[in-house]
């Protein structure tokens, strides 16, 4: 899958989730690989870096509490809900949804399928 296909898969992900406005594939270091963004107010580069920091902090807390590694992180603000889902140990996908406009269950299901697609390519499974 080349970069264009990554972006196409993220576009399909956004289109499959009611209320979704963005989807990113990012390395755990915070460097973006591909993005599809319908919200011009959302800076994907800044979001990638901030979300990577959040995942690292959450994972450190999980390890300290001895509850296992983070597989998913969800947070909401008054304007947007963000779902982060790990793709192996080195990458994650994020989806942004308009607050109150989306279906969290559908988003999580669609993201699980996208994670499988990306993992097959990124880890050559």
N, C-alpha and C. Protein backbone atom coordinates (compact mmCIF):
# COMPACT_ATOMS: atom_id res chain seq x y z
N UNK A 1 0.87 -1.18 0.00
CA UNK A 1 0.00 0.00 0.00
C UNK A 1 0.90 1.23 0.00
N UNK A 2 0.79 2.07 -1.00
CA UNK A 2 1.59 3.28 -1.03
C UNK A 2 0.88 4.40 -0.28
N UNK A 3 1.55 5.54 -0.15
CA UNK A 3 1.00 6.66 0.62
C UNK A 3 -0.38 7.07 0.13
N UNK A 4 -0.58 7.09 -1.17
CA UNK A 4 -1.90 7.43 -1.72
C UNK A 4 -2.97 6.47 -1.25
N UNK A 5 -2.62 5.19 -1.15
CA UNK A 5 -3.58 4.20 -0.66
C UNK A 5 -3.85 4.38 0.83
N UNK A 6 -2.84 4.77 1.59
CA UNK A 6 -3.07 5.07 3.02
C UNK A 6 -4.10 6.19 3.13
N UNK A 7 -3.89 7.24 2.35
CA UNK A 7 -4.81 8.37 2.39
C UNK A 7 -6.21 7.97 1.93
N UNK A 8 -6.28 7.12 0.91
CA UNK A 8 -7.58 6.64 0.43
C UNK A 8 -8.28 5.82 1.51
N UNK A 9 -7.53 4.98 2.20
CA UNK A 9 -8.14 4.15 3.26
C UNK A 9 -8.64 5.04 4.39
N UNK A 10 -7.90 6.11 4.73
CA UNK A 10 -8.34 7.04 5.77
C UNK A 10 -9.59 7.80 5.31
N UNK A 11 -9.65 8.15 4.04
CA UNK A 11 -10.84 8.81 3.48
C UNK A 11 -12.05 7.89 3.61
N UNK A 12 -11.86 6.62 3.25
CA UNK A 12 -12.95 5.64 3.38
C UNK A 12 -13.38 5.50 4.84
N UNK A 13 -12.42 5.55 5.75
CA UNK A 13 -12.73 5.45 7.17
C UNK A 13 -13.61 6.62 7.61
N UNK A 14 -13.23 7.84 7.24
CA UNK A 14 -14.02 9.02 7.59
C UNK A 14 -15.43 8.91 7.00
N UNK A 15 -15.51 8.48 5.75
CA UNK A 15 -16.81 8.38 5.08
C UNK A 15 -17.71 7.30 5.69
N UNK A 16 -17.12 6.31 6.35
CA UNK A 16 -17.90 5.21 6.91
C UNK A 16 -18.41 5.49 8.32
N UNK A 17 -18.00 6.62 8.91
CA UNK A 17 -18.38 6.95 10.28
C UNK A 17 -19.20 8.24 10.28
N UNK A 18 -20.47 8.17 10.59
CA UNK A 18 -21.29 9.39 10.66
C UNK A 18 -20.69 10.39 11.66
N UNK A 19 -20.54 11.63 11.23
CA UNK A 19 -20.02 12.67 12.10
C UNK A 19 -18.50 12.78 12.11
N UNK A 20 -17.79 11.87 11.44
CA UNK A 20 -16.33 11.92 11.43
C UNK A 20 -15.85 13.08 10.56
N UNK A 21 -14.79 13.77 11.03
CA UNK A 21 -14.23 14.89 10.29
C UNK A 21 -12.75 14.71 9.97
N UNK A 22 -12.10 13.71 10.59
CA UNK A 22 -10.68 13.51 10.30
C UNK A 22 -10.26 12.09 10.67
N UNK A 23 -9.21 11.64 10.00
CA UNK A 23 -8.56 10.37 10.34
C UNK A 23 -7.09 10.51 9.98
N UNK A 24 -6.24 10.06 10.89
CA UNK A 24 -4.79 10.14 10.68
C UNK A 24 -4.15 8.79 10.97
N UNK A 25 -3.08 8.50 10.26
CA UNK A 25 -2.19 7.38 10.57
C UNK A 25 -0.88 7.99 10.97
N UNK A 26 -0.41 7.65 12.17
CA UNK A 26 0.72 8.35 12.76
C UNK A 26 1.67 7.36 13.42
N UNK A 27 2.97 7.66 13.36
CA UNK A 27 3.94 6.88 14.11
C UNK A 27 3.86 7.26 15.59
N UNK A 28 4.23 6.34 16.45
CA UNK A 28 4.15 6.59 17.89
C UNK A 28 5.06 7.76 18.30
N UNK A 29 6.00 8.13 17.43
CA UNK A 29 6.86 9.28 17.68
C UNK A 29 6.16 10.60 17.37
N UNK A 30 4.92 10.53 16.86
CA UNK A 30 4.16 11.74 16.57
C UNK A 30 4.31 12.26 15.15
N UNK A 31 5.03 11.53 14.32
CA UNK A 31 5.22 11.95 12.94
C UNK A 31 4.13 11.32 12.08
N UNK A 32 3.35 12.18 11.42
CA UNK A 32 2.24 11.72 10.61
C UNK A 32 2.70 11.01 9.36
N UNK A 33 1.95 9.97 8.99
CA UNK A 33 2.22 9.22 7.78
C UNK A 33 1.22 9.60 6.70
N UNK A 34 -0.05 9.67 7.09
CA UNK A 34 -1.10 10.03 6.14
C UNK A 34 -2.28 10.59 6.92
N UNK A 35 -3.08 11.42 6.25
CA UNK A 35 -4.23 12.03 6.91
C UNK A 35 -5.32 12.32 5.89
N UNK A 36 -6.54 12.34 6.40
CA UNK A 36 -7.69 12.82 5.64
C UNK A 36 -8.47 13.71 6.60
N UNK A 37 -8.61 14.99 6.24
CA UNK A 37 -9.16 15.97 7.17
C UNK A 37 -10.20 16.84 6.47
N UNK A 38 -11.41 16.85 7.03
CA UNK A 38 -12.49 17.70 6.49
C UNK A 38 -12.63 19.01 7.26
N UNK A 39 -11.92 19.14 8.38
CA UNK A 39 -12.05 20.30 9.25
C UNK A 39 -10.80 21.17 9.13
N UNK A 40 -10.87 22.30 8.40
CA UNK A 40 -9.68 23.13 8.20
C UNK A 40 -9.15 23.74 9.50
N UNK A 41 -9.95 23.78 10.54
CA UNK A 41 -9.48 24.32 11.83
C UNK A 41 -8.60 23.34 12.58
N UNK A 42 -8.61 22.08 12.19
CA UNK A 42 -7.82 21.05 12.87
C UNK A 42 -6.49 20.88 12.15
N UNK A 43 -5.40 21.15 12.83
CA UNK A 43 -4.05 21.02 12.27
C UNK A 43 -3.57 19.59 12.49
N UNK A 44 -3.50 18.76 11.43
CA UNK A 44 -3.13 17.36 11.62
C UNK A 44 -1.71 17.17 12.16
N UNK A 45 -0.79 18.04 11.81
CA UNK A 45 0.59 17.90 12.30
C UNK A 45 0.64 18.13 13.80
N UNK A 46 -0.01 19.16 14.27
CA UNK A 46 -0.07 19.44 15.70
C UNK A 46 -0.82 18.34 16.43
N UNK A 47 -1.94 17.90 15.84
CA UNK A 47 -2.74 16.83 16.46
C UNK A 47 -1.91 15.55 16.60
N UNK A 48 -1.17 15.18 15.56
CA UNK A 48 -0.33 13.97 15.62
C UNK A 48 0.63 14.03 16.80
N UNK A 49 1.30 15.15 16.96
CA UNK A 49 2.28 15.29 18.04
C UNK A 49 1.61 15.27 19.41
N UNK A 50 0.51 15.98 19.55
CA UNK A 50 -0.18 16.02 20.84
C UNK A 50 -0.75 14.65 21.21
N UNK A 51 -1.33 13.96 20.23
CA UNK A 51 -1.92 12.65 20.52
C UNK A 51 -0.84 11.62 20.88
N UNK A 52 0.32 11.71 20.24
CA UNK A 52 1.42 10.79 20.57
C UNK A 52 1.85 11.00 22.02
N UNK A 53 1.89 12.25 22.45
CA UNK A 53 2.24 12.55 23.85
C UNK A 53 1.19 11.98 24.80
N UNK A 54 -0.09 12.14 24.44
CA UNK A 54 -1.16 11.60 25.27
C UNK A 54 -1.07 10.08 25.37
N UNK A 55 -0.81 9.41 24.26
CA UNK A 55 -0.69 7.96 24.28
C UNK A 55 0.48 7.50 25.13
N UNK A 56 1.60 8.19 25.02
CA UNK A 56 2.77 7.84 25.82
C UNK A 56 2.48 7.98 27.31
N UNK A 57 1.81 9.06 27.67
CA UNK A 57 1.46 9.29 29.08
C UNK A 57 0.48 8.23 29.57
N UNK A 58 -0.54 7.95 28.78
CA UNK A 58 -1.52 6.93 29.16
C UNK A 58 -0.88 5.55 29.26
N UNK A 59 0.01 5.24 28.35
CA UNK A 59 0.68 3.94 28.39
C UNK A 59 1.58 3.82 29.61
N UNK A 60 2.29 4.90 29.95
CA UNK A 60 3.14 4.89 31.15
C UNK A 60 2.28 4.66 32.39
N UNK A 61 1.12 5.32 32.47
CA UNK A 61 0.22 5.12 33.61
C UNK A 61 -0.27 3.68 33.66
N UNK A 62 -0.62 3.11 32.51
CA UNK A 62 -1.11 1.74 32.47
C UNK A 62 -0.04 0.76 32.92
N UNK A 63 1.19 0.99 32.48
CA UNK A 63 2.30 0.12 32.90
C UNK A 63 2.53 0.26 34.40
N UNK A 64 2.55 1.49 34.91
CA UNK A 64 2.75 1.71 36.35
C UNK A 64 1.66 1.05 37.19
N UNK A 65 0.45 1.03 36.65
CA UNK A 65 -0.67 0.41 37.35
C UNK A 65 -0.74 -1.10 37.10
N UNK A 66 0.12 -1.58 36.24
CA UNK A 66 0.21 -3.00 35.89
C UNK A 66 -1.11 -3.53 35.34
N UNK A 67 -1.71 -2.76 34.42
CA UNK A 67 -2.97 -3.17 33.81
C UNK A 67 -2.80 -3.48 32.31
N UNK A 68 -1.57 -3.52 31.83
CA UNK A 68 -1.32 -3.82 30.42
C UNK A 68 -1.11 -2.56 29.61
N UNK A 69 -0.82 -2.76 28.34
CA UNK A 69 -0.54 -1.64 27.45
C UNK A 69 -1.84 -1.05 26.89
N UNK A 70 -1.77 0.20 26.54
CA UNK A 70 -2.91 0.90 25.94
C UNK A 70 -3.18 0.34 24.55
N UNK A 71 -4.44 0.07 24.27
CA UNK A 71 -4.83 -0.32 22.91
C UNK A 71 -5.70 0.75 22.27
N UNK A 72 -6.36 1.56 23.13
CA UNK A 72 -7.29 2.57 22.63
C UNK A 72 -7.42 3.67 23.67
N UNK A 73 -7.62 4.89 23.20
CA UNK A 73 -7.82 6.03 24.09
C UNK A 73 -8.90 6.90 23.47
N UNK A 74 -9.89 7.27 24.28
CA UNK A 74 -11.00 8.09 23.80
C UNK A 74 -11.12 9.31 24.70
N UNK A 75 -11.25 10.48 24.11
CA UNK A 75 -11.51 11.67 24.91
C UNK A 75 -12.42 12.61 24.14
N UNK A 76 -13.15 13.41 24.89
CA UNK A 76 -14.13 14.30 24.27
C UNK A 76 -13.99 15.70 24.84
N UNK A 77 -14.23 16.68 23.98
CA UNK A 77 -14.32 18.07 24.40
C UNK A 77 -15.72 18.56 24.04
N UNK A 78 -15.99 19.81 24.24
CA UNK A 78 -17.31 20.32 23.90
C UNK A 78 -17.54 20.34 22.39
N UNK A 79 -16.46 20.29 21.59
CA UNK A 79 -16.59 20.38 20.13
C UNK A 79 -16.30 19.10 19.37
N UNK A 80 -15.49 18.22 19.94
CA UNK A 80 -15.02 17.06 19.17
C UNK A 80 -14.75 15.87 20.09
N UNK A 81 -14.92 14.68 19.54
CA UNK A 81 -14.52 13.46 20.23
C UNK A 81 -13.38 12.85 19.42
N UNK A 82 -12.34 12.43 20.09
CA UNK A 82 -11.18 11.84 19.44
C UNK A 82 -11.02 10.41 19.94
N UNK A 83 -10.81 9.51 18.99
CA UNK A 83 -10.54 8.11 19.31
C UNK A 83 -9.17 7.79 18.74
N UNK A 84 -8.30 7.26 19.59
CA UNK A 84 -6.97 6.83 19.18
C UNK A 84 -6.91 5.32 19.33
N UNK A 85 -6.44 4.62 18.33
CA UNK A 85 -6.36 3.16 18.37
C UNK A 85 -4.99 2.74 17.86
N UNK A 86 -4.31 1.92 18.65
CA UNK A 86 -2.98 1.47 18.28
C UNK A 86 -3.02 0.52 17.09
N UNK A 87 -2.01 0.65 16.23
CA UNK A 87 -1.75 -0.28 15.14
C UNK A 87 -0.41 -0.92 15.48
N UNK A 88 -0.43 -2.06 16.12
CA UNK A 88 0.80 -2.66 16.62
C UNK A 88 1.37 -1.80 17.74
N UNK A 89 2.70 -1.80 17.87
CA UNK A 89 3.36 -1.01 18.92
C UNK A 89 3.94 0.30 18.40
N UNK A 90 3.97 0.48 17.07
CA UNK A 90 4.71 1.59 16.49
C UNK A 90 3.85 2.67 15.83
N UNK A 91 2.56 2.42 15.67
CA UNK A 91 1.69 3.34 14.96
C UNK A 91 0.34 3.43 15.65
N UNK A 92 -0.41 4.47 15.31
CA UNK A 92 -1.80 4.56 15.76
C UNK A 92 -2.62 5.28 14.71
N UNK A 93 -3.92 5.03 14.74
CA UNK A 93 -4.84 5.81 13.92
C UNK A 93 -5.69 6.64 14.86
N UNK A 94 -6.08 7.80 14.38
CA UNK A 94 -6.98 8.66 15.16
C UNK A 94 -8.14 9.05 14.28
N UNK A 95 -9.30 9.16 14.91
CA UNK A 95 -10.49 9.66 14.22
C UNK A 95 -11.08 10.77 15.06
N UNK A 96 -11.39 11.89 14.43
CA UNK A 96 -12.08 13.00 15.08
C UNK A 96 -13.52 13.02 14.63
N UNK A 97 -14.43 13.15 15.60
CA UNK A 97 -15.86 13.19 15.30
C UNK A 97 -16.47 14.44 15.93
N UNK A 98 -17.43 15.03 15.24
CA UNK A 98 -18.14 16.17 15.80
C UNK A 98 -18.83 15.72 17.08
N UNK A 99 -18.72 16.53 18.12
CA UNK A 99 -19.33 16.19 19.40
C UNK A 99 -20.84 16.02 19.24
N UNK A 100 -21.35 14.91 19.71
CA UNK A 100 -22.79 14.67 19.67
C UNK A 100 -23.33 14.26 18.32
N UNK A 101 -22.48 14.19 17.29
CA UNK A 101 -22.98 13.90 15.94
C UNK A 101 -22.61 12.51 15.46
N UNK A 102 -21.84 11.79 16.23
CA UNK A 102 -21.34 10.51 15.75
C UNK A 102 -21.84 9.33 16.54
N UNK A 103 -21.47 8.17 16.06
CA UNK A 103 -21.81 6.91 16.69
C UNK A 103 -20.51 6.26 17.14
N UNK A 104 -20.25 6.29 18.44
CA UNK A 104 -18.99 5.78 18.98
C UNK A 104 -18.79 4.30 18.65
N UNK A 105 -19.85 3.51 18.76
CA UNK A 105 -19.74 2.08 18.45
C UNK A 105 -19.35 1.83 17.01
N UNK A 106 -19.98 2.54 16.09
CA UNK A 106 -19.66 2.41 14.67
C UNK A 106 -18.22 2.85 14.41
N UNK A 107 -17.81 3.94 15.04
CA UNK A 107 -16.44 4.42 14.86
C UNK A 107 -15.43 3.38 15.32
N UNK A 108 -15.67 2.78 16.47
CA UNK A 108 -14.73 1.78 17.00
C UNK A 108 -14.68 0.55 16.11
N UNK A 109 -15.82 0.13 15.58
CA UNK A 109 -15.86 -1.02 14.68
C UNK A 109 -15.10 -0.73 13.39
N UNK A 110 -15.39 0.41 12.77
CA UNK A 110 -14.71 0.78 11.53
C UNK A 110 -13.20 0.93 11.75
N UNK A 111 -12.83 1.48 12.90
CA UNK A 111 -11.41 1.64 13.21
C UNK A 111 -10.72 0.30 13.39
N UNK A 112 -11.41 -0.67 14.00
CA UNK A 112 -10.82 -1.99 14.18
C UNK A 112 -10.49 -2.60 12.81
N UNK A 113 -11.41 -2.45 11.85
CA UNK A 113 -11.16 -2.98 10.51
C UNK A 113 -10.00 -2.24 9.84
N UNK A 114 -9.94 -0.93 10.03
CA UNK A 114 -8.84 -0.14 9.45
C UNK A 114 -7.51 -0.53 10.08
N UNK A 115 -7.49 -0.76 11.40
CA UNK A 115 -6.27 -1.21 12.07
C UNK A 115 -5.77 -2.51 11.45
N UNK A 116 -6.68 -3.45 11.21
CA UNK A 116 -6.29 -4.71 10.58
C UNK A 116 -5.67 -4.47 9.21
N UNK A 117 -6.28 -3.59 8.41
CA UNK A 117 -5.76 -3.29 7.08
C UNK A 117 -4.37 -2.68 7.16
N UNK A 118 -4.19 -1.69 8.03
CA UNK A 118 -2.88 -1.03 8.15
C UNK A 118 -1.82 -1.98 8.72
N UNK A 119 -2.20 -2.79 9.70
CA UNK A 119 -1.23 -3.72 10.31
C UNK A 119 -0.69 -4.71 9.28
N UNK A 120 -1.56 -5.19 8.40
CA UNK A 120 -1.13 -6.15 7.38
C UNK A 120 -0.03 -5.55 6.51
N UNK A 121 -0.13 -4.27 6.20
CA UNK A 121 0.86 -3.63 5.34
C UNK A 121 2.08 -3.17 6.13
N UNK A 122 1.84 -2.49 7.24
CA UNK A 122 2.95 -1.92 8.01
C UNK A 122 3.85 -3.00 8.62
N UNK A 123 3.24 -4.12 8.97
CA UNK A 123 4.01 -5.21 9.58
C UNK A 123 4.13 -6.42 8.66
N UNK A 124 3.68 -6.27 7.40
CA UNK A 124 3.76 -7.31 6.38
C UNK A 124 3.28 -8.65 6.92
N UNK A 125 2.07 -8.65 7.49
CA UNK A 125 1.48 -9.87 8.04
C UNK A 125 0.82 -10.69 6.95
